[in-house]
Amino acid sequence: ASLGRLTERLEGMGKYAIILLITAAGAHLLQGLLPETAWGSPYFVGISGVVLGLFGYLAVKSHLRPESGFYFPPDAYLMTALILVLGFISPGGLGLANMAHLGGLVTGAVLGAVWNK
C-alpha cells in the first residue's frame, strides 16, 4: 500500500489531511526561507517533502506504538537516509529541494511523537 493510504487507514481521513498540510508547511517553510547558500530557495515545486514527512511520521509512530499494526522496515530507514545524504553531498544538490526533504521529515517525525496515541 502507498504511504498515503496506509496513513489514512491508521489515522482516519481528517487526521491524515492535517498531517499532509502540516508536513507540507514544514517542508516548504524550511526550503523557502533559507538562503541559497544554505540549500534553500524560494524557487521550487513538488510534494517530495510531504512524502518524507509521511516517512518521518510513520517511522516514529511505529517505533513508539508498535501495537498500531504498522511496521516500518529497516530498509525504509536506509532509503530515507540515502535520499537525504545523497541530495546534500551531490554537486549542486542534484537540483533537489533538499531542505524541503529535511523539513518534511522532521515535521512528520515531530507529529508522530506528538500524536502518539
N, C-alpha and C. Protein backbone atom coordinates (compact mmCIF):
# COMPACT_ATOMS: atom_id res chain seq x y z
N ALA A 1 0.84 -1.19 0.00
CA ALA A 1 0.00 0.00 0.00
C ALA A 1 0.88 1.24 0.00
N SER A 2 0.35 2.32 -0.50
CA SER A 2 1.09 3.58 -0.52
C SER A 2 1.15 4.16 0.89
N LEU A 3 2.12 5.03 1.10
CA LEU A 3 2.24 5.68 2.42
C LEU A 3 0.98 6.46 2.76
N GLY A 4 0.42 7.11 1.76
CA GLY A 4 -0.79 7.90 1.99
C GLY A 4 -1.96 7.04 2.42
N ARG A 5 -2.21 5.98 1.69
CA ARG A 5 -3.33 5.08 2.04
C ARG A 5 -3.11 4.47 3.42
N LEU A 6 -1.89 4.07 3.68
CA LEU A 6 -1.57 3.47 4.97
C LEU A 6 -1.81 4.46 6.11
N THR A 7 -1.34 5.68 5.94
CA THR A 7 -1.52 6.69 6.98
C THR A 7 -3.00 7.01 7.17
N GLU A 8 -3.73 7.13 6.09
CA GLU A 8 -5.16 7.41 6.19
C GLU A 8 -5.89 6.27 6.88
N ARG A 9 -5.52 5.04 6.58
CA ARG A 9 -6.16 3.89 7.21
C ARG A 9 -5.86 3.85 8.71
N LEU A 10 -4.62 4.17 9.10
CA LEU A 10 -4.24 4.16 10.51
C LEU A 10 -4.84 5.31 11.30
N GLU A 11 -4.94 6.49 10.68
CA GLU A 11 -5.29 7.70 11.42
C GLU A 11 -6.66 8.28 11.08
N GLY A 12 -7.25 7.87 9.99
CA GLY A 12 -8.51 8.46 9.57
C GLY A 12 -8.27 9.63 8.63
N MET A 13 -9.29 9.95 7.84
CA MET A 13 -9.14 10.96 6.80
C MET A 13 -8.82 12.35 7.36
N GLY A 14 -9.49 12.75 8.42
CA GLY A 14 -9.27 14.08 8.97
C GLY A 14 -7.85 14.29 9.49
N LYS A 15 -7.37 13.35 10.28
CA LYS A 15 -6.02 13.45 10.82
C LYS A 15 -4.98 13.34 9.70
N TYR A 16 -5.24 12.50 8.74
CA TYR A 16 -4.34 12.36 7.59
C TYR A 16 -4.22 13.68 6.84
N ALA A 17 -5.34 14.35 6.62
CA ALA A 17 -5.32 15.64 5.93
C ALA A 17 -4.51 16.67 6.72
N ILE A 18 -4.65 16.66 8.03
CA ILE A 18 -3.87 17.58 8.87
C ILE A 18 -2.38 17.26 8.79
N ILE A 19 -2.04 15.98 8.80
CA ILE A 19 -0.63 15.57 8.68
C ILE A 19 -0.06 16.09 7.35
N LEU A 20 -0.82 15.92 6.27
CA LEU A 20 -0.35 16.40 4.96
C LEU A 20 -0.13 17.90 4.96
N LEU A 21 -1.07 18.64 5.50
CA LEU A 21 -0.96 20.11 5.50
C LEU A 21 0.21 20.59 6.36
N ILE A 22 0.37 20.00 7.53
CA ILE A 22 1.44 20.45 8.42
C ILE A 22 2.81 20.06 7.88
N THR A 23 2.95 18.85 7.34
CA THR A 23 4.26 18.46 6.78
C THR A 23 4.57 19.29 5.54
N ALA A 24 3.56 19.62 4.75
CA ALA A 24 3.80 20.48 3.58
C ALA A 24 4.27 21.85 4.03
N ALA A 25 3.65 22.39 5.07
CA ALA A 25 4.07 23.70 5.59
C ALA A 25 5.50 23.64 6.11
N GLY A 26 5.83 22.61 6.87
CA GLY A 26 7.20 22.48 7.40
C GLY A 26 8.23 22.36 6.29
N ALA A 27 7.91 21.56 5.30
CA ALA A 27 8.84 21.36 4.18
C ALA A 27 9.03 22.65 3.39
N HIS A 28 7.95 23.30 3.06
CA HIS A 28 8.03 24.50 2.23
C HIS A 28 8.61 25.69 2.98
N LEU A 29 8.32 25.80 4.26
CA LEU A 29 8.89 26.91 5.03
C LEU A 29 10.41 26.79 5.13
N LEU A 30 10.89 25.60 5.44
CA LEU A 30 12.34 25.44 5.58
C LEU A 30 13.04 25.69 4.25
N GLN A 31 12.52 25.14 3.18
CA GLN A 31 13.13 25.32 1.87
C GLN A 31 13.04 26.77 1.40
N GLY A 32 11.90 27.37 1.58
CA GLY A 32 11.67 28.70 1.04
C GLY A 32 12.28 29.84 1.82
N LEU A 33 12.50 29.64 3.11
CA LEU A 33 13.00 30.74 3.93
C LEU A 33 14.52 30.78 4.05
N LEU A 34 15.17 29.66 3.78
CA LEU A 34 16.63 29.65 3.88
C LEU A 34 17.27 30.22 2.62
N PRO A 35 18.41 30.87 2.77
CA PRO A 35 19.11 31.39 1.58
C PRO A 35 19.70 30.26 0.76
N GLU A 36 19.99 30.55 -0.49
CA GLU A 36 20.56 29.53 -1.38
C GLU A 36 21.89 28.99 -0.86
N THR A 37 22.63 29.80 -0.12
CA THR A 37 23.90 29.33 0.44
C THR A 37 23.70 28.27 1.50
N ALA A 38 22.48 28.12 1.99
CA ALA A 38 22.15 27.09 2.98
C ALA A 38 21.18 26.08 2.38
N TRP A 39 21.28 25.84 1.09
CA TRP A 39 20.45 24.88 0.34
C TRP A 39 18.99 25.29 0.26
N GLY A 40 18.68 26.51 0.55
CA GLY A 40 17.30 26.97 0.45
C GLY A 40 17.07 27.66 -0.88
N SER A 41 15.84 27.91 -1.19
CA SER A 41 15.48 28.63 -2.40
C SER A 41 13.97 28.81 -2.42
N PRO A 42 13.51 29.99 -2.79
CA PRO A 42 12.06 30.16 -2.91
C PRO A 42 11.53 29.60 -4.23
N TYR A 43 12.41 29.13 -5.10
CA TYR A 43 12.01 28.65 -6.43
C TYR A 43 12.04 27.13 -6.47
N PHE A 44 10.95 26.52 -6.07
CA PHE A 44 10.87 25.06 -6.10
C PHE A 44 9.41 24.65 -6.18
N VAL A 45 9.20 23.46 -6.68
CA VAL A 45 7.86 22.90 -6.81
C VAL A 45 7.96 21.42 -6.48
N GLY A 46 6.98 20.89 -5.79
CA GLY A 46 6.97 19.46 -5.56
C GLY A 46 6.29 19.08 -4.26
N ILE A 47 6.14 17.78 -4.12
CA ILE A 47 5.48 17.24 -2.94
C ILE A 47 6.37 16.23 -2.22
N SER A 48 7.62 16.11 -2.65
CA SER A 48 8.51 15.11 -2.05
C SER A 48 8.76 15.38 -0.57
N GLY A 49 8.72 16.64 -0.14
CA GLY A 49 8.87 16.94 1.28
C GLY A 49 7.74 16.34 2.10
N VAL A 50 6.54 16.30 1.53
CA VAL A 50 5.40 15.69 2.21
C VAL A 50 5.58 14.17 2.28
N VAL A 51 6.10 13.58 1.23
CA VAL A 51 6.36 12.14 1.24
C VAL A 51 7.36 11.80 2.35
N LEU A 52 8.43 12.59 2.45
CA LEU A 52 9.40 12.38 3.52
C LEU A 52 8.75 12.64 4.88
N GLY A 53 7.80 13.57 4.93
CA GLY A 53 7.05 13.82 6.16
C GLY A 53 6.25 12.60 6.59
N LEU A 54 5.64 11.91 5.63
CA LEU A 54 4.91 10.68 5.96
C LEU A 54 5.87 9.61 6.45
N PHE A 55 7.05 9.52 5.82
CA PHE A 55 8.07 8.58 6.31
C PHE A 55 8.40 8.88 7.77
N GLY A 56 8.66 10.15 8.07
CA GLY A 56 9.00 10.54 9.44
C GLY A 56 7.89 10.22 10.41
N TYR A 57 6.67 10.54 10.03
CA TYR A 57 5.52 10.29 10.89
C TYR A 57 5.37 8.80 11.19
N LEU A 58 5.38 7.98 10.13
CA LEU A 58 5.18 6.55 10.30
C LEU A 58 6.35 5.87 11.01
N ALA A 59 7.56 6.35 10.78
CA ALA A 59 8.72 5.77 11.45
C ALA A 59 8.62 5.97 12.96
N VAL A 60 8.32 7.19 13.37
CA VAL A 60 8.21 7.47 14.80
C VAL A 60 7.01 6.75 15.40
N LYS A 61 5.90 6.78 14.69
CA LYS A 61 4.68 6.13 15.18
C LYS A 61 4.90 4.62 15.36
N SER A 62 5.55 3.98 14.40
CA SER A 62 5.77 2.53 14.51
C SER A 62 6.75 2.20 15.62
N HIS A 63 7.69 3.11 15.88
CA HIS A 63 8.67 2.88 16.95
C HIS A 63 8.03 3.07 18.33
N LEU A 64 7.24 4.13 18.49
CA LEU A 64 6.64 4.42 19.79
C LEU A 64 5.41 3.59 20.08
N ARG A 65 4.70 3.18 19.04
CA ARG A 65 3.47 2.41 19.21
C ARG A 65 3.46 1.19 18.29
N PRO A 66 4.29 0.20 18.59
CA PRO A 66 4.35 -0.97 17.70
C PRO A 66 3.01 -1.70 17.57
N GLU A 67 2.15 -1.55 18.58
CA GLU A 67 0.84 -2.21 18.52
C GLU A 67 -0.10 -1.56 17.52
N SER A 68 0.33 -0.44 16.92
CA SER A 68 -0.50 0.24 15.92
C SER A 68 -0.73 -0.62 14.69
N GLY A 69 0.07 -1.66 14.55
CA GLY A 69 -0.09 -2.55 13.41
C GLY A 69 0.77 -2.18 12.23
N PHE A 70 1.54 -1.13 12.37
CA PHE A 70 2.41 -0.72 11.27
C PHE A 70 3.85 -0.99 11.64
N TYR A 71 4.55 -1.66 10.76
CA TYR A 71 5.97 -1.95 10.95
C TYR A 71 6.75 -1.18 9.89
N PHE A 72 7.67 -0.35 10.33
CA PHE A 72 8.50 0.44 9.42
C PHE A 72 9.80 -0.33 9.22
N PRO A 73 10.01 -0.96 8.07
CA PRO A 73 11.17 -1.84 7.87
C PRO A 73 12.50 -1.08 7.85
N PRO A 74 13.56 -1.74 8.29
CA PRO A 74 14.89 -1.11 8.29
C PRO A 74 15.30 -0.57 6.93
N ASP A 75 14.92 -1.23 5.85
CA ASP A 75 15.27 -0.75 4.51
C ASP A 75 14.67 0.63 4.24
N ALA A 76 13.51 0.91 4.82
CA ALA A 76 12.89 2.21 4.62
C ALA A 76 13.69 3.31 5.32
N TYR A 77 14.25 3.00 6.49
CA TYR A 77 15.13 3.97 7.16
C TYR A 77 16.35 4.25 6.30
N LEU A 78 16.92 3.19 5.75
CA LEU A 78 18.11 3.32 4.90
C LEU A 78 17.80 4.16 3.66
N MET A 79 16.69 3.88 3.02
CA MET A 79 16.31 4.62 1.82
C MET A 79 16.12 6.11 2.14
N THR A 80 15.47 6.39 3.25
CA THR A 80 15.25 7.78 3.65
C THR A 80 16.57 8.49 3.90
N ALA A 81 17.47 7.82 4.61
CA ALA A 81 18.79 8.41 4.89
C ALA A 81 19.56 8.65 3.59
N LEU A 82 19.50 7.70 2.66
CA LEU A 82 20.21 7.86 1.39
C LEU A 82 19.68 9.04 0.58
N ILE A 83 18.37 9.20 0.56
CA ILE A 83 17.77 10.33 -0.16
C ILE A 83 18.33 11.64 0.38
N LEU A 84 18.35 11.75 1.70
CA LEU A 84 18.84 12.98 2.31
C LEU A 84 20.33 13.19 2.08
N VAL A 85 21.12 12.17 2.38
CA VAL A 85 22.58 12.31 2.28
C VAL A 85 23.01 12.57 0.84
N LEU A 86 22.51 11.78 -0.10
CA LEU A 86 22.91 11.97 -1.50
C LEU A 86 22.50 13.34 -2.03
N GLY A 87 21.36 13.82 -1.59
CA GLY A 87 20.93 15.14 -2.02
C GLY A 87 21.87 16.23 -1.55
N PHE A 88 22.36 16.10 -0.33
CA PHE A 88 23.22 17.13 0.23
C PHE A 88 24.67 17.04 -0.25
N ILE A 89 25.17 15.82 -0.49
CA ILE A 89 26.59 15.71 -0.86
C ILE A 89 26.84 15.75 -2.35
N SER A 90 25.80 15.61 -3.15
CA SER A 90 25.98 15.62 -4.60
C SER A 90 26.24 17.04 -5.09
N PRO A 91 27.05 17.17 -6.12
CA PRO A 91 27.33 18.51 -6.67
C PRO A 91 26.03 19.20 -7.07
N GLY A 92 25.84 20.39 -6.56
CA GLY A 92 24.63 21.14 -6.89
C GLY A 92 23.39 20.61 -6.21
N GLY A 93 23.56 19.64 -5.30
CA GLY A 93 22.41 19.09 -4.59
C GLY A 93 21.44 18.33 -5.47
N LEU A 94 21.90 17.90 -6.64
CA LEU A 94 21.08 17.17 -7.61
C LEU A 94 19.89 17.98 -8.11
N GLY A 95 19.87 19.25 -7.83
CA GLY A 95 18.73 20.08 -8.23
C GLY A 95 17.48 19.78 -7.42
N LEU A 96 17.66 19.18 -6.25
CA LEU A 96 16.53 18.81 -5.41
C LEU A 96 16.29 19.87 -4.34
N ALA A 97 15.09 19.90 -3.84
CA ALA A 97 14.76 20.78 -2.72
C ALA A 97 15.13 20.05 -1.43
N ASN A 98 16.43 19.97 -1.18
CA ASN A 98 16.93 19.17 -0.06
C ASN A 98 16.41 19.63 1.30
N MET A 99 16.30 20.93 1.49
CA MET A 99 15.80 21.42 2.77
C MET A 99 14.31 21.13 2.93
N ALA A 100 13.58 21.05 1.82
CA ALA A 100 12.17 20.64 1.89
C ALA A 100 12.08 19.19 2.35
N HIS A 101 12.98 18.35 1.85
CA HIS A 101 13.00 16.95 2.29
C HIS A 101 13.26 16.87 3.79
N LEU A 102 14.27 17.60 4.23
CA LEU A 102 14.62 17.60 5.66
C LEU A 102 13.49 18.20 6.49
N GLY A 103 12.93 19.31 6.03
CA GLY A 103 11.83 19.94 6.76
C GLY A 103 10.61 19.05 6.88
N GLY A 104 10.27 18.36 5.80
CA GLY A 104 9.13 17.44 5.84
C GLY A 104 9.38 16.27 6.77
N LEU A 105 10.58 15.70 6.68
CA LEU A 105 10.93 14.56 7.53
C LEU A 105 10.86 14.93 9.01
N VAL A 106 11.47 16.04 9.37
CA VAL A 106 11.48 16.47 10.77
C VAL A 106 10.06 16.82 11.25
N THR A 107 9.31 17.53 10.42
CA THR A 107 7.94 17.88 10.80
C THR A 107 7.09 16.63 11.00
N GLY A 108 7.21 15.67 10.09
CA GLY A 108 6.46 14.42 10.24
C GLY A 108 6.87 13.65 11.48
N ALA A 109 8.16 13.60 11.77
CA ALA A 109 8.64 12.89 12.96
C ALA A 109 8.11 13.55 14.24
N VAL A 110 8.12 14.87 14.26
CA VAL A 110 7.60 15.58 15.43
C VAL A 110 6.10 15.30 15.60
N LEU A 111 5.36 15.32 14.51
CA LEU A 111 3.93 14.99 14.58
C LEU A 111 3.71 13.57 15.08
N GLY A 112 4.54 12.63 14.61
CA GLY A 112 4.43 11.25 15.07
C GLY A 112 4.65 11.12 16.56
N ALA A 113 5.55 11.92 17.10
CA ALA A 113 5.82 11.89 18.54
C ALA A 113 4.70 12.59 19.32
N VAL A 114 4.21 13.71 18.80
CA VAL A 114 3.18 14.48 19.49
C VAL A 114 1.85 13.73 19.48
N TRP A 115 1.51 13.16 18.34
CA TRP A 115 0.25 12.43 18.22
C TRP A 115 0.45 10.96 18.48
N ASN A 116 1.12 10.63 19.52
CA ASN A 116 1.43 9.25 19.87
C ASN A 116 0.32 8.69 20.75
N LYS A 117 -0.80 8.37 20.12
CA LYS A 117 -1.90 7.78 20.89
C LYS A 117 -2.37 6.50 20.26
